[in-house]
Amino acid sequence: MTLTLGATQMIQRSLASLSQIAADYIKLTGAGTRIKEVESHIVEEKYLRGDTTLKYFQLLGDLNFVNVGFSYPTRNDSKVLAKVNFSLRGSEKVALVGNTGSGKSTIGSLLLRLYEPSNGKIFMDGAPLSSYDPHWLRSKVIAVVSQEPTLFNMSILENIRFGNPDASDDEVLDAAEKANCLEFISKLPQGFKTNVGERG
């Protein structure tokens, strides 16, 4: 009787762990498919529609939001932004302040062209933002620093270099200094070679 109960419990535990493995496999398969889609996405090399090509340093960075409205595709009935109008000069430093859910992050997502406005227009240097190559905007023009940075299970040096694999050690050092984390890094046992672990 005892042997039968023990065997039953062992089989039950094994089945429970198998179901967890199956669930993880399904999640990872979906994530892997999405990663492949992103990697295989072909982006046009032109930075503006037509034959005009710009280098990022030619931009002034002037922004104009004209009657911009936005609803997330999954919540069309809920307006996140409605008739938003403002102008910013490229040299200005501006803070967007508001309650949670007031649309601050959404404005950032629209600037990165992760989403397109539901209505209205966004202009950069007088040209519609939709005419700029989104890959170019995200890699050369606009930088995002999250409140909770995502770190990978690798050294600090590799994490900083992740956005620009060709960056020299001096450039990594300069980036760390500008981010005000050089002093903290230098106190770690292995400095820039310290492995931060998953999510840091």
N, C-alpha and C. Protein backbone atom coordinates (compact mmCIF):
# COMPACT_ATOMS: atom_id res chain seq x y z
N MET A 1 0.84 -1.21 0.00
CA MET A 1 0.00 0.00 0.00
C MET A 1 0.87 1.26 0.00
N THR A 2 1.89 1.28 0.91
CA THR A 2 2.79 2.42 1.00
C THR A 2 3.54 2.62 -0.32
N LEU A 3 3.97 1.52 -0.91
CA LEU A 3 4.70 1.56 -2.18
C LEU A 3 3.82 2.16 -3.28
N THR A 4 2.56 1.76 -3.30
CA THR A 4 1.62 2.26 -4.32
C THR A 4 1.39 3.77 -4.17
N LEU A 5 1.22 4.21 -2.90
CA LEU A 5 1.02 5.64 -2.65
C LEU A 5 2.25 6.46 -3.07
N GLY A 6 3.43 5.93 -2.71
CA GLY A 6 4.67 6.63 -3.08
C GLY A 6 4.83 6.74 -4.58
N ALA A 7 4.52 5.65 -5.30
CA ALA A 7 4.63 5.65 -6.77
C ALA A 7 3.63 6.63 -7.38
N THR A 8 2.41 6.64 -6.81
CA THR A 8 1.37 7.56 -7.30
C THR A 8 1.79 9.02 -7.15
N GLN A 9 2.35 9.34 -5.98
CA GLN A 9 2.82 10.72 -5.73
C GLN A 9 3.95 11.10 -6.67
N MET A 10 4.85 10.14 -6.91
CA MET A 10 5.98 10.42 -7.81
C MET A 10 5.48 10.70 -9.24
N ILE A 11 4.50 9.88 -9.68
CA ILE A 11 3.94 10.08 -11.02
C ILE A 11 3.22 11.42 -11.10
N GLN A 12 2.50 11.78 -10.01
CA GLN A 12 1.77 13.05 -9.98
C GLN A 12 2.72 14.24 -10.09
N ARG A 13 3.84 14.17 -9.33
CA ARG A 13 4.84 15.26 -9.39
C ARG A 13 5.46 15.35 -10.79
N SER A 14 5.72 14.19 -11.39
CA SER A 14 6.32 14.18 -12.72
C SER A 14 5.39 14.79 -13.76
N LEU A 15 4.10 14.44 -13.64
CA LEU A 15 3.12 15.00 -14.58
C LEU A 15 2.97 16.52 -14.40
N ALA A 16 3.02 16.97 -13.13
CA ALA A 16 2.92 18.40 -12.86
C ALA A 16 4.09 19.16 -13.48
N SER A 17 5.30 18.60 -13.31
CA SER A 17 6.47 19.28 -13.89
C SER A 17 6.44 19.21 -15.41
N LEU A 18 5.91 18.12 -15.98
CA LEU A 18 5.79 18.02 -17.44
C LEU A 18 4.84 19.09 -17.98
N SER A 19 3.73 19.33 -17.28
CA SER A 19 2.78 20.35 -17.73
C SER A 19 3.42 21.74 -17.68
N GLN A 20 4.27 21.99 -16.67
CA GLN A 20 4.96 23.27 -16.57
C GLN A 20 5.96 23.44 -17.71
N ILE A 21 6.67 22.35 -18.02
CA ILE A 21 7.63 22.37 -19.14
C ILE A 21 6.90 22.64 -20.45
N ALA A 22 5.73 22.00 -20.63
CA ALA A 22 4.95 22.20 -21.86
C ALA A 22 4.49 23.65 -21.98
N ALA A 23 4.05 24.24 -20.85
CA ALA A 23 3.60 25.64 -20.86
C ALA A 23 4.76 26.57 -21.21
N ASP A 24 5.94 26.32 -20.61
CA ASP A 24 7.12 27.13 -20.90
C ASP A 24 7.52 27.00 -22.37
N TYR A 25 7.42 25.77 -22.89
CA TYR A 25 7.78 25.53 -24.29
C TYR A 25 6.89 26.34 -25.23
N ILE A 26 5.58 26.36 -24.93
CA ILE A 26 4.64 27.10 -25.78
C ILE A 26 4.96 28.60 -25.75
N LYS A 27 5.26 29.12 -24.54
CA LYS A 27 5.62 30.54 -24.41
C LYS A 27 6.88 30.86 -25.21
N LEU A 28 7.91 30.02 -25.05
CA LEU A 28 9.19 30.27 -25.72
C LEU A 28 9.07 30.14 -27.23
N THR A 29 8.23 29.20 -27.68
CA THR A 29 8.03 29.04 -29.13
C THR A 29 7.42 30.31 -29.72
N GLY A 30 6.41 30.86 -29.03
CA GLY A 30 5.79 32.10 -29.49
C GLY A 30 6.78 33.25 -29.51
N ALA A 31 7.59 33.36 -28.45
CA ALA A 31 8.59 34.43 -28.38
C ALA A 31 9.63 34.27 -29.48
N GLY A 32 10.04 33.01 -29.73
CA GLY A 32 11.04 32.75 -30.78
C GLY A 32 10.52 33.12 -32.16
N THR A 33 9.25 32.82 -32.40
CA THR A 33 8.64 33.18 -33.69
C THR A 33 8.63 34.68 -33.88
N ARG A 34 8.28 35.41 -32.81
CA ARG A 34 8.22 36.88 -32.88
C ARG A 34 9.62 37.46 -33.13
N ILE A 35 10.63 36.90 -32.47
CA ILE A 35 12.01 37.37 -32.66
C ILE A 35 12.44 37.17 -34.11
N LYS A 36 12.09 36.00 -34.69
CA LYS A 36 12.44 35.74 -36.09
C LYS A 36 11.77 36.73 -37.03
N GLU A 37 10.50 37.06 -36.72
CA GLU A 37 9.77 38.05 -37.55
C GLU A 37 10.47 39.40 -37.51
N VAL A 38 10.89 39.82 -36.31
CA VAL A 38 11.56 41.12 -36.17
C VAL A 38 12.90 41.10 -36.89
N GLU A 39 13.67 40.00 -36.74
CA GLU A 39 14.99 39.93 -37.37
C GLU A 39 14.90 39.91 -38.89
N SER A 40 13.85 39.27 -39.42
CA SER A 40 13.72 39.15 -40.87
C SER A 40 13.03 40.36 -41.50
N HIS A 41 12.57 41.31 -40.67
CA HIS A 41 11.88 42.50 -41.19
C HIS A 41 12.85 43.36 -41.99
N ILE A 42 12.50 43.64 -43.22
CA ILE A 42 13.37 44.44 -44.10
C ILE A 42 12.92 45.89 -44.04
N VAL A 43 13.85 46.78 -43.75
CA VAL A 43 13.54 48.21 -43.66
C VAL A 43 14.20 48.93 -44.82
N GLU A 44 13.45 49.83 -45.45
CA GLU A 44 14.02 50.61 -46.54
C GLU A 44 15.14 51.48 -46.03
N GLU A 45 16.16 51.66 -46.85
CA GLU A 45 17.33 52.43 -46.43
C GLU A 45 17.13 53.94 -46.58
N LYS A 46 16.06 54.35 -47.27
CA LYS A 46 15.83 55.78 -47.42
C LYS A 46 15.28 56.35 -46.13
N TYR A 47 15.72 57.54 -45.77
CA TYR A 47 15.32 58.13 -44.50
C TYR A 47 14.12 59.06 -44.65
N LEU A 48 13.82 59.43 -45.86
CA LEU A 48 12.60 60.18 -46.16
C LEU A 48 12.01 59.59 -47.42
N ARG A 49 10.70 59.77 -47.57
CA ARG A 49 10.09 59.28 -48.80
C ARG A 49 10.68 59.98 -50.01
N GLY A 50 10.63 59.31 -51.11
CA GLY A 50 11.21 59.89 -52.32
C GLY A 50 12.70 59.61 -52.35
N ASP A 51 13.44 60.51 -52.95
CA ASP A 51 14.87 60.30 -53.13
C ASP A 51 15.72 61.05 -52.10
N THR A 52 15.08 61.73 -51.16
CA THR A 52 15.83 62.51 -50.19
C THR A 52 16.41 61.61 -49.11
N THR A 53 17.69 61.74 -48.88
CA THR A 53 18.35 60.97 -47.82
C THR A 53 18.95 61.93 -46.82
N LEU A 54 18.70 61.70 -45.55
CA LEU A 54 19.24 62.56 -44.49
C LEU A 54 20.20 61.79 -43.61
N LYS A 55 21.18 62.47 -43.08
CA LYS A 55 21.99 61.93 -42.00
C LYS A 55 21.42 62.49 -40.71
N TYR A 56 21.55 61.73 -39.63
CA TYR A 56 20.90 62.14 -38.37
C TYR A 56 21.38 63.50 -37.89
N PHE A 57 22.64 63.86 -38.18
CA PHE A 57 23.16 65.14 -37.69
C PHE A 57 22.64 66.33 -38.50
N GLN A 58 21.89 66.05 -39.58
CA GLN A 58 21.29 67.15 -40.34
C GLN A 58 19.96 67.59 -39.74
N LEU A 59 19.44 66.82 -38.80
CA LEU A 59 18.15 67.16 -38.21
C LEU A 59 18.29 68.25 -37.16
N LEU A 60 17.31 69.13 -37.11
CA LEU A 60 17.23 70.11 -36.03
C LEU A 60 16.47 69.51 -34.85
N GLY A 61 15.55 68.61 -35.15
CA GLY A 61 14.78 67.96 -34.10
C GLY A 61 13.55 68.74 -33.66
N ASP A 62 13.10 69.70 -34.47
CA ASP A 62 11.88 70.44 -34.14
C ASP A 62 10.66 69.52 -34.29
N LEU A 63 9.79 69.50 -33.30
CA LEU A 63 8.62 68.62 -33.31
C LEU A 63 7.33 69.42 -33.24
N ASN A 64 6.34 68.97 -33.97
CA ASN A 64 5.01 69.58 -33.92
C ASN A 64 3.95 68.48 -33.86
N PHE A 65 3.13 68.51 -32.82
CA PHE A 65 1.96 67.64 -32.73
C PHE A 65 0.74 68.48 -33.13
N VAL A 66 0.02 68.02 -34.13
CA VAL A 66 -1.14 68.78 -34.62
C VAL A 66 -2.39 67.91 -34.51
N ASN A 67 -3.25 68.25 -33.55
CA ASN A 67 -4.52 67.53 -33.33
C ASN A 67 -4.34 66.02 -33.25
N VAL A 68 -3.31 65.60 -32.54
CA VAL A 68 -2.99 64.17 -32.47
C VAL A 68 -3.94 63.45 -31.51
N GLY A 69 -4.54 62.38 -32.00
CA GLY A 69 -5.37 61.51 -31.18
C GLY A 69 -4.87 60.09 -31.29
N PHE A 70 -5.07 59.31 -30.25
CA PHE A 70 -4.58 57.93 -30.31
C PHE A 70 -5.40 57.02 -29.39
N SER A 71 -5.70 55.84 -29.91
CA SER A 71 -6.29 54.76 -29.12
C SER A 71 -5.50 53.50 -29.44
N TYR A 72 -5.22 52.69 -28.42
CA TYR A 72 -4.52 51.44 -28.66
C TYR A 72 -5.42 50.49 -29.45
N PRO A 73 -4.84 49.71 -30.39
CA PRO A 73 -5.65 48.85 -31.25
C PRO A 73 -6.59 47.91 -30.49
N THR A 74 -6.15 47.47 -29.32
CA THR A 74 -6.98 46.54 -28.54
C THR A 74 -8.07 47.24 -27.74
N ARG A 75 -7.98 48.60 -27.67
CA ARG A 75 -8.97 49.36 -26.90
C ARG A 75 -9.40 50.60 -27.70
N ASN A 76 -10.01 50.35 -28.84
CA ASN A 76 -10.40 51.45 -29.73
C ASN A 76 -11.40 52.41 -29.09
N ASP A 77 -12.18 51.90 -28.15
CA ASP A 77 -13.20 52.74 -27.54
C ASP A 77 -12.64 53.68 -26.48
N SER A 78 -11.37 53.48 -26.10
CA SER A 78 -10.75 54.29 -25.05
C SER A 78 -9.68 55.21 -25.64
N LYS A 79 -9.94 56.52 -25.62
CA LYS A 79 -8.98 57.49 -26.16
C LYS A 79 -7.86 57.76 -25.15
N VAL A 80 -6.62 57.48 -25.55
CA VAL A 80 -5.47 57.80 -24.70
C VAL A 80 -5.07 59.26 -24.90
N LEU A 81 -5.07 59.69 -26.17
CA LEU A 81 -4.78 61.08 -26.52
C LEU A 81 -5.91 61.63 -27.38
N ALA A 82 -6.26 62.89 -27.16
CA ALA A 82 -7.30 63.52 -27.98
C ALA A 82 -6.92 64.97 -28.25
N LYS A 83 -6.79 65.31 -29.53
CA LYS A 83 -6.49 66.68 -29.98
C LYS A 83 -5.30 67.28 -29.23
N VAL A 84 -4.19 66.57 -29.24
CA VAL A 84 -2.96 67.05 -28.59
C VAL A 84 -2.22 67.96 -29.55
N ASN A 85 -1.92 69.18 -29.10
CA ASN A 85 -1.20 70.16 -29.91
C ASN A 85 -0.05 70.74 -29.09
N PHE A 86 1.15 70.64 -29.60
CA PHE A 86 2.28 71.35 -28.99
C PHE A 86 3.45 71.38 -29.98
N SER A 87 4.33 72.33 -29.75
CA SER A 87 5.53 72.45 -30.58
C SER A 87 6.76 72.50 -29.69
N LEU A 88 7.81 71.82 -30.12
CA LEU A 88 9.07 71.81 -29.38
C LEU A 88 10.20 72.12 -30.33
N ARG A 89 11.13 72.95 -29.89
CA ARG A 89 12.32 73.20 -30.69
C ARG A 89 13.36 72.15 -30.32
N GLY A 90 14.19 71.80 -31.29
CA GLY A 90 15.17 70.74 -31.09
C GLY A 90 16.12 70.97 -29.93
N SER A 91 16.38 72.21 -29.60
CA SER A 91 17.36 72.51 -28.55
C SER A 91 16.72 72.58 -27.16
N GLU A 92 15.39 72.45 -27.08
CA GLU A 92 14.70 72.61 -25.80
C GLU A 92 14.78 71.34 -24.96
N LYS A 93 14.76 71.55 -23.63
CA LYS A 93 14.63 70.43 -22.69
C LYS A 93 13.24 70.53 -22.09
N VAL A 94 12.45 69.47 -22.26
CA VAL A 94 11.06 69.50 -21.86
C VAL A 94 10.74 68.26 -21.04
N ALA A 95 9.93 68.44 -20.00
CA ALA A 95 9.46 67.29 -19.21
C ALA A 95 7.96 67.13 -19.40
N LEU A 96 7.53 65.91 -19.66
CA LEU A 96 6.10 65.61 -19.71
C LEU A 96 5.71 65.08 -18.33
N VAL A 97 4.80 65.74 -17.69
CA VAL A 97 4.41 65.38 -16.33
C VAL A 97 2.91 65.11 -16.31
N GLY A 98 2.52 64.04 -15.62
CA GLY A 98 1.10 63.74 -15.52
C GLY A 98 0.87 62.46 -14.76
N ASN A 99 -0.39 62.20 -14.45
CA ASN A 99 -0.76 60.99 -13.72
C ASN A 99 -0.52 59.75 -14.57
N THR A 100 -0.47 58.61 -13.92
CA THR A 100 -0.36 57.33 -14.62
C THR A 100 -1.53 57.19 -15.57
N GLY A 101 -1.22 56.82 -16.82
CA GLY A 101 -2.27 56.64 -17.81
C GLY A 101 -2.67 57.91 -18.55
N SER A 102 -1.94 59.00 -18.31
CA SER A 102 -2.31 60.27 -18.97
C SER A 102 -1.74 60.40 -20.38
N GLY A 103 -0.88 59.44 -20.80
CA GLY A 103 -0.41 59.44 -22.19
C GLY A 103 1.05 59.80 -22.39
N LYS A 104 1.82 59.92 -21.32
CA LYS A 104 3.25 60.30 -21.45
C LYS A 104 4.03 59.25 -22.26
N SER A 105 3.90 57.99 -21.86
CA SER A 105 4.61 56.91 -22.57
C SER A 105 4.09 56.75 -23.99
N THR A 106 2.81 57.00 -24.17
CA THR A 106 2.22 56.89 -25.51
C THR A 106 2.84 57.90 -26.46
N ILE A 107 3.06 59.12 -25.99
CA ILE A 107 3.72 60.15 -26.82
C ILE A 107 5.11 59.68 -27.22
N GLY A 108 5.84 59.08 -26.27
CA GLY A 108 7.16 58.52 -26.59
C GLY A 108 7.07 57.42 -27.63
N SER A 109 6.07 56.55 -27.51
CA SER A 109 5.89 55.46 -28.48
C SER A 109 5.55 55.99 -29.87
N LEU A 110 4.77 57.08 -29.92
CA LEU A 110 4.43 57.70 -31.21
C LEU A 110 5.67 58.32 -31.85
N LEU A 111 6.52 58.93 -31.03
CA LEU A 111 7.75 59.52 -31.58
C LEU A 111 8.68 58.46 -32.14
N LEU A 112 8.70 57.29 -31.52
CA LEU A 112 9.53 56.18 -32.00
C LEU A 112 8.88 55.44 -33.16
N ARG A 113 7.66 55.82 -33.50
CA ARG A 113 6.86 55.17 -34.54
C ARG A 113 6.59 53.70 -34.22
N LEU A 114 6.47 53.40 -32.92
CA LEU A 114 6.00 52.07 -32.53
C LEU A 114 4.51 51.97 -32.82
N TYR A 115 3.85 53.13 -32.81
CA TYR A 115 2.44 53.25 -33.19
C TYR A 115 2.30 54.47 -34.09
N GLU A 116 1.23 54.50 -34.85
CA GLU A 116 0.89 55.68 -35.65
C GLU A 116 -0.31 56.36 -35.02
N PRO A 117 -0.42 57.68 -35.09
CA PRO A 117 -1.59 58.36 -34.51
C PRO A 117 -2.89 57.88 -35.14
N SER A 118 -3.94 57.80 -34.33
CA SER A 118 -5.27 57.44 -34.87
C SER A 118 -5.79 58.58 -35.74
N ASN A 119 -5.46 59.81 -35.35
CA ASN A 119 -5.78 60.97 -36.18
C ASN A 119 -4.81 62.10 -35.84
N GLY A 120 -4.80 63.12 -36.68
CA GLY A 120 -3.83 64.20 -36.52
C GLY A 120 -2.49 63.84 -37.13
N LYS A 121 -1.53 64.74 -36.99
CA LYS A 121 -0.21 64.55 -37.60
C LYS A 121 0.90 64.94 -36.64
N ILE A 122 2.03 64.26 -36.78
CA ILE A 122 3.25 64.63 -36.05
C ILE A 122 4.29 65.00 -37.11
N PHE A 123 4.93 66.15 -36.92
CA PHE A 123 5.95 66.62 -37.86
C PHE A 123 7.30 66.73 -37.17
N MET A 124 8.35 66.36 -37.88
CA MET A 124 9.71 66.59 -37.39
C MET A 124 10.45 67.37 -38.46
N ASP A 125 10.93 68.54 -38.08
CA ASP A 125 11.60 69.45 -39.02
C ASP A 125 10.71 69.73 -40.24
N GLY A 126 9.41 69.85 -40.00
CA GLY A 126 8.48 70.21 -41.07
C GLY A 126 8.00 69.06 -41.93
N ALA A 127 8.61 67.88 -41.81
CA ALA A 127 8.18 66.72 -42.61
C ALA A 127 7.36 65.79 -41.72
N PRO A 128 6.34 65.14 -42.28
CA PRO A 128 5.56 64.20 -41.47
C PRO A 128 6.46 63.12 -40.87
N LEU A 129 6.26 62.83 -39.61
CA LEU A 129 7.08 61.80 -38.96
C LEU A 129 6.93 60.46 -39.66
N SER A 130 5.76 60.22 -40.26
CA SER A 130 5.51 58.96 -40.97
C SER A 130 6.39 58.79 -42.20
N SER A 131 7.03 59.88 -42.65
CA SER A 131 7.89 59.78 -43.83
C SER A 131 9.32 59.37 -43.48
N TYR A 132 9.63 59.32 -42.18
CA TYR A 132 10.97 58.91 -41.75
C TYR A 132 11.01 57.40 -41.53
N ASP A 133 12.13 56.80 -41.88
CA ASP A 133 12.35 55.38 -41.67
C ASP A 133 12.37 55.08 -40.17
N PRO A 134 11.46 54.22 -39.67
CA PRO A 134 11.40 53.98 -38.22
C PRO A 134 12.67 53.36 -37.66
N HIS A 135 13.32 52.49 -38.44
CA HIS A 135 14.56 51.87 -37.98
C HIS A 135 15.64 52.92 -37.77
N TRP A 136 15.70 53.87 -38.69
CA TRP A 136 16.68 54.96 -38.59
C TRP A 136 16.39 55.84 -37.39
N LEU A 137 15.10 56.15 -37.18
CA LEU A 137 14.72 56.97 -36.03
C LEU A 137 15.17 56.33 -34.73
N ARG A 138 14.93 55.00 -34.61
CA ARG A 138 15.22 54.31 -33.36
C ARG A 138 16.70 54.04 -33.15
N SER A 139 17.45 53.92 -34.24
CA SER A 139 18.87 53.57 -34.08
C SER A 139 19.79 54.79 -34.11
N LYS A 140 19.35 55.88 -34.75
CA LYS A 140 20.25 57.02 -34.93
C LYS A 140 19.75 58.33 -34.33
N VAL A 141 18.43 58.48 -34.20
CA VAL A 141 17.89 59.80 -33.88
C VAL A 141 17.38 59.90 -32.44
N ILE A 142 16.58 58.93 -32.02
CA ILE A 142 15.90 59.01 -30.73
C ILE A 142 16.45 57.93 -29.80
N ALA A 143 16.77 58.34 -28.59
CA ALA A 143 17.23 57.38 -27.58
C ALA A 143 16.22 57.34 -26.44
N VAL A 144 16.00 56.15 -25.90
CA VAL A 144 15.06 55.98 -24.79
C VAL A 144 15.80 55.38 -23.61
N VAL A 145 15.64 56.01 -22.45
CA VAL A 145 16.20 55.47 -21.22
C VAL A 145 15.04 55.12 -20.32
N SER A 146 14.82 53.83 -20.11
CA SER A 146 13.69 53.38 -19.32
C SER A 146 13.95 53.61 -17.83
N GLN A 147 12.87 53.74 -17.06
CA GLN A 147 13.00 53.86 -15.61
C GLN A 147 13.58 52.58 -15.03
N GLU A 148 13.24 51.45 -15.63
CA GLU A 148 13.75 50.16 -15.18
C GLU A 148 14.53 49.53 -16.32
N PRO A 149 15.83 49.80 -16.40
CA PRO A 149 16.61 49.28 -17.52
C PRO A 149 16.66 47.75 -17.51
N THR A 150 16.58 47.17 -18.69
CA THR A 150 16.68 45.72 -18.83
C THR A 150 18.13 45.36 -19.07
N LEU A 151 18.68 44.51 -18.21
CA LEU A 151 20.06 44.06 -18.37
C LEU A 151 20.06 42.59 -18.74
N PHE A 152 21.07 42.20 -19.49
CA PHE A 152 21.19 40.81 -19.92
C PHE A 152 22.25 40.09 -19.09
N ASN A 153 22.18 38.78 -19.08
CA ASN A 153 23.10 37.97 -18.29
C ASN A 153 24.47 37.94 -18.94
N MET A 154 25.16 39.05 -18.82
CA MET A 154 26.50 39.22 -19.39
C MET A 154 27.20 40.32 -18.61
N SER A 155 28.40 40.67 -19.00
CA SER A 155 29.14 41.69 -18.26
C SER A 155 28.55 43.08 -18.48
N ILE A 156 28.91 44.01 -17.59
CA ILE A 156 28.46 45.40 -17.73
C ILE A 156 28.96 45.97 -19.06
N LEU A 157 30.19 45.65 -19.39
CA LEU A 157 30.79 46.12 -20.65
C LEU A 157 29.93 45.68 -21.84
N GLU A 158 29.55 44.40 -21.86
CA GLU A 158 28.75 43.87 -22.97
C GLU A 158 27.35 44.48 -22.98
N ASN A 159 26.78 44.73 -21.80
CA ASN A 159 25.46 45.35 -21.73
C ASN A 159 25.47 46.75 -22.30
N ILE A 160 26.50 47.55 -21.95
CA ILE A 160 26.60 48.92 -22.46
C ILE A 160 26.84 48.90 -23.97
N ARG A 161 27.62 47.93 -24.42
CA ARG A 161 27.98 47.84 -25.83
C ARG A 161 26.86 47.22 -26.67
N PHE A 162 25.83 46.73 -26.02
CA PHE A 162 24.77 46.00 -26.72
C PHE A 162 24.13 46.83 -27.83
N GLY A 163 23.90 48.11 -27.58
CA GLY A 163 23.28 48.98 -28.59
C GLY A 163 24.19 49.34 -29.73
N ASN A 164 25.50 49.23 -29.51
CA ASN A 164 26.49 49.54 -30.55
C ASN A 164 27.65 48.56 -30.43
N PRO A 165 27.54 47.37 -31.04
CA PRO A 165 28.56 46.33 -30.89
C PRO A 165 29.96 46.77 -31.31
N ASP A 166 30.05 47.80 -32.16
CA ASP A 166 31.36 48.24 -32.65
C ASP A 166 31.99 49.31 -31.76
N ALA A 167 31.34 49.66 -30.65
CA ALA A 167 31.87 50.72 -29.77
C ALA A 167 33.20 50.29 -29.15
N SER A 168 34.13 51.23 -29.11
CA SER A 168 35.43 50.96 -28.50
C SER A 168 35.30 51.00 -26.98
N ASP A 169 36.33 50.53 -26.28
CA ASP A 169 36.33 50.58 -24.81
C ASP A 169 36.22 52.01 -24.31
N ASP A 170 36.88 52.93 -25.01
CA ASP A 170 36.82 54.35 -24.62
C ASP A 170 35.40 54.90 -24.76
N GLU A 171 34.70 54.49 -25.82
CA GLU A 171 33.32 54.94 -26.02
C GLU A 171 32.39 54.37 -24.95
N VAL A 172 32.64 53.12 -24.55
CA VAL A 172 31.85 52.51 -23.47
C VAL A 172 32.09 53.26 -22.17
N LEU A 173 33.35 53.58 -21.92
CA LEU A 173 33.72 54.34 -20.71
C LEU A 173 33.04 55.71 -20.70
N ASP A 174 33.04 56.36 -21.86
CA ASP A 174 32.41 57.67 -22.00
C ASP A 174 30.90 57.59 -21.76
N ALA A 175 30.27 56.53 -22.30
CA ALA A 175 28.82 56.33 -22.12
C ALA A 175 28.50 56.11 -20.65
N ALA A 176 29.32 55.33 -19.97
CA ALA A 176 29.11 55.07 -18.53
C ALA A 176 29.25 56.35 -17.72
N GLU A 177 30.21 57.19 -18.12
CA GLU A 177 30.42 58.46 -17.41
C GLU A 177 29.23 59.39 -17.61
N LYS A 178 28.73 59.45 -18.85
CA LYS A 178 27.59 60.33 -19.15
C LYS A 178 26.32 59.84 -18.44
N ALA A 179 26.22 58.52 -18.24
CA ALA A 179 25.05 57.96 -17.55
C ALA A 179 25.20 58.02 -16.03
N ASN A 180 26.31 58.61 -15.58
CA ASN A 180 26.56 58.81 -14.15
C ASN A 180 26.63 57.48 -13.38
N CYS A 181 27.23 56.46 -14.02
CA CYS A 181 27.36 55.17 -13.32
C CYS A 181 28.80 54.67 -13.29
N LEU A 182 29.74 55.51 -13.71
CA LEU A 182 31.15 55.10 -13.74
C LEU A 182 31.69 54.83 -12.34
N GLU A 183 31.33 55.68 -11.39
CA GLU A 183 31.81 55.52 -10.01
C GLU A 183 31.30 54.21 -9.41
N PHE A 184 30.02 53.93 -9.64
CA PHE A 184 29.42 52.70 -9.13
C PHE A 184 30.10 51.47 -9.74
N ILE A 185 30.31 51.50 -11.06
CA ILE A 185 30.92 50.36 -11.76
C ILE A 185 32.34 50.12 -11.26
N SER A 186 33.10 51.20 -11.05
CA SER A 186 34.51 51.06 -10.63
C SER A 186 34.64 50.43 -9.24
N LYS A 187 33.57 50.48 -8.43
CA LYS A 187 33.61 49.88 -7.09
C LYS A 187 33.28 48.39 -7.09
N LEU A 188 32.79 47.88 -8.23
CA LEU A 188 32.46 46.46 -8.32
C LEU A 188 33.74 45.63 -8.38
N PRO A 189 33.69 44.38 -7.90
CA PRO A 189 34.90 43.54 -7.83
C PRO A 189 35.67 43.43 -9.14
N GLN A 190 34.93 43.26 -10.25
CA GLN A 190 35.60 43.11 -11.54
C GLN A 190 35.33 44.29 -12.48
N GLY A 191 34.86 45.39 -11.92
CA GLY A 191 34.61 46.58 -12.73
C GLY A 191 33.67 46.30 -13.88
N PHE A 192 34.07 46.72 -15.08
CA PHE A 192 33.24 46.55 -16.27
C PHE A 192 33.06 45.08 -16.65
N LYS A 193 33.92 44.21 -16.15
CA LYS A 193 33.82 42.78 -16.49
C LYS A 193 32.88 42.03 -15.55
N THR A 194 32.28 42.75 -14.59
CA THR A 194 31.35 42.11 -13.65
C THR A 194 30.12 41.63 -14.38
N ASN A 195 29.75 40.37 -14.18
CA ASN A 195 28.54 39.82 -14.78
C ASN A 195 27.35 40.24 -13.91
N VAL A 196 26.35 40.84 -14.55
CA VAL A 196 25.23 41.39 -13.78
C VAL A 196 24.13 40.39 -13.51
N GLY A 197 24.12 39.25 -14.20
CA GLY A 197 23.05 38.27 -14.03
C GLY A 197 21.80 38.67 -14.78
N GLU A 198 20.84 37.77 -14.87
CA GLU A 198 19.60 38.04 -15.61
C GLU A 198 18.85 39.20 -14.99
N ARG A 199 18.51 40.22 -15.81
CA ARG A 199 17.80 41.44 -15.42
C ARG A 199 18.58 42.27 -14.40
N GLY A 200 19.83 41.94 -14.14
CA GLY A 200 20.68 42.78 -13.29
C GLY A 200 20.33 42.68 -11.82
